[in-house]
Amino acid sequence: MGYLGAMPAEGIYVILSRIATAYYFFHFLVLFPLLPYIEKTKPLPISISEPVLSGGATASAFAAREKK
């Protein structure tokens, strides 16, 4: 929209600007309020260390380093 705003108000630039403006307002006024109904978020972990230290080589290396 910034590029189209810098162009002269004639021809295809006007049409593209109107389409981009319509999408901009649709995105923020219609799509954003509907997102909580469309997408479900995952529950938050109890602690950040739970998913990080749940297993694997990295977790055991971290735990071994903590014991020193």
C-alpha atoms as a PDB file:
ATOM      1  CA  MET A   1       0.000   0.000   0.000  1.00  0.00           C
ATOM      2  CA  GLY A   2       2.918   2.340   0.589  1.00  0.00           C
ATOM      3  CA  TYR A   3       4.181   1.822  -2.948  1.00  0.00           C
ATOM      4  CA  LEU A   4       0.721   2.274  -4.413  1.00  0.00           C
ATOM      5  CA  GLY A   5       0.248   5.462  -2.408  1.00  0.00           C
ATOM      6  CA  ALA A   6       3.363   6.928  -3.970  1.00  0.00           C
ATOM      7  CA  MET A   7       2.137   6.239  -7.510  1.00  0.00           C
ATOM      8  CA  PRO A   8      -0.050   8.651  -9.480  1.00  0.00           C
ATOM      9  CA  ALA A   9      -3.801   8.276  -8.907  1.00  0.00           C
ATOM     10  CA  GLU A  10      -4.599   6.794 -12.296  1.00  0.00           C
ATOM     11  CA  GLY A  11      -5.025   3.471 -14.049  1.00  0.00           C
ATOM     12  CA  ILE A  12      -4.271   0.177 -12.339  1.00  0.00           C
ATOM     13  CA  TYR A  13      -2.794   1.870  -9.271  1.00  0.00           C
ATOM     14  CA  VAL A  14      -6.222   3.071  -8.135  1.00  0.00           C
ATOM     15  CA  ILE A  15      -7.769  -0.385  -8.531  1.00  0.00           C
ATOM     16  CA  LEU A  16      -4.921  -2.132  -6.710  1.00  0.00           C
ATOM     17  CA  SER A  17      -5.017   0.461  -3.923  1.00  0.00           C
ATOM     18  CA  ARG A  18      -8.736  -0.096  -3.397  1.00  0.00           C
ATOM     19  CA  ILE A  19      -8.299  -3.873  -3.296  1.00  0.00           C
ATOM     20  CA  ALA A  20      -5.375  -3.617  -0.851  1.00  0.00           C
ATOM     21  CA  THR A  21      -7.322  -1.209   1.373  1.00  0.00           C
ATOM     22  CA  ALA A  22     -10.375  -3.486   1.401  1.00  0.00           C
ATOM     23  CA  TYR A  23      -8.212  -6.475   2.356  1.00  0.00           C
ATOM     24  CA  TYR A  24      -6.448  -4.431   5.070  1.00  0.00           C
ATOM     25  CA  PHE A  25      -9.704  -3.546   6.807  1.00  0.00           C
ATOM     26  CA  PHE A  26     -11.144  -7.045   6.284  1.00  0.00           C
ATOM     27  CA  HIS A  27      -8.043  -8.536   7.888  1.00  0.00           C
ATOM     28  CA  PHE A  28      -8.209  -6.455  11.066  1.00  0.00           C
ATOM     29  CA  LEU A  29     -11.967  -5.918  11.469  1.00  0.00           C
ATOM     30  CA  VAL A  30     -13.302  -9.325  10.375  1.00  0.00           C
ATOM     31  CA  LEU A  31     -10.560 -11.955  10.350  1.00  0.00           C
ATOM     32  CA  PHE A  32      -8.807 -11.119  13.644  1.00  0.00           C
ATOM     33  CA  PRO A  33     -11.981 -11.234  15.766  1.00  0.00           C
ATOM     34  CA  LEU A  34     -12.857 -14.635  14.241  1.00  0.00           C
ATOM     35  CA  LEU A  35      -9.460 -16.258  14.865  1.00  0.00           C
ATOM     36  CA  PRO A  36     -10.196 -17.438  18.436  1.00  0.00           C
ATOM     37  CA  TYR A  37     -13.174 -19.389  17.099  1.00  0.00           C
ATOM     38  CA  ILE A  38     -11.235 -20.863  14.161  1.00  0.00           C
ATOM     39  CA  GLU A  39      -7.928 -21.763  15.862  1.00  0.00           C
ATOM     40  CA  LYS A  40      -7.502 -23.357  19.254  1.00  0.00           C
ATOM     41  CA  THR A  41      -4.290 -22.667  21.139  1.00  0.00           C
ATOM     42  CA  LYS A  42      -2.294 -25.255  23.027  1.00  0.00           C
ATOM     43  CA  PRO A  43      -2.375 -25.052  26.827  1.00  0.00           C
ATOM     44  CA  LEU A  44       0.565 -23.327  28.459  1.00  0.00           C
ATOM     45  CA  PRO A  45       3.152 -25.549  30.164  1.00  0.00           C
ATOM     46  CA  ILE A  46       3.400 -25.415  33.941  1.00  0.00           C
ATOM     47  CA  SER A  47       7.019 -24.341  33.714  1.00  0.00           C
ATOM     48  CA  ILE A  48       9.494 -23.568  30.947  1.00  0.00           C
ATOM     49  CA  SER A  49      11.791 -26.302  32.277  1.00  0.00           C
ATOM     50  CA  GLU A  50       9.124 -28.988  31.786  1.00  0.00           C
ATOM     51  CA  PRO A  51       9.161 -29.055  27.952  1.00  0.00           C
ATOM     52  CA  VAL A  52      12.887 -28.262  27.773  1.00  0.00           C
ATOM     53  CA  LEU A  53      14.022 -30.886  30.283  1.00  0.00           C
ATOM     54  CA  SER A  54      11.507 -33.574  29.328  1.00  0.00           C
ATOM     55  CA  GLY A  55      14.142 -35.840  27.813  1.00  0.00           C
ATOM     56  CA  GLY A  56      16.757 -36.275  25.146  1.00  0.00           C
ATOM     57  CA  ALA A  57      20.495 -35.747  24.999  1.00  0.00           C
ATOM     58  CA  THR A  58      20.288 -32.012  25.528  1.00  0.00           C
ATOM     59  CA  ALA A  59      18.324 -32.381  28.744  1.00  0.00           C
ATOM     60  CA  SER A  60      20.708 -34.965  30.189  1.00  0.00           C
ATOM     61  CA  ALA A  61      23.703 -32.816  29.259  1.00  0.00           C
ATOM     62  CA  PHE A  62      22.099 -29.828  30.929  1.00  0.00           C
ATOM     63  CA  ALA A  63      21.277 -31.874  34.052  1.00  0.00           C
ATOM     64  CA  ALA A  64      24.867 -33.214  34.224  1.00  0.00           C
ATOM     65  CA  ARG A  65      26.231 -29.698  33.937  1.00  0.00           C
ATOM     66  CA  GLU A  66      23.937 -28.496  36.729  1.00  0.00           C
ATOM     67  CA  LYS A  67      25.257 -31.183  39.123  1.00  0.00           C
ATOM     68  CA  LYS A  68      28.856 -29.915  38.823  1.00  0.00           C
END
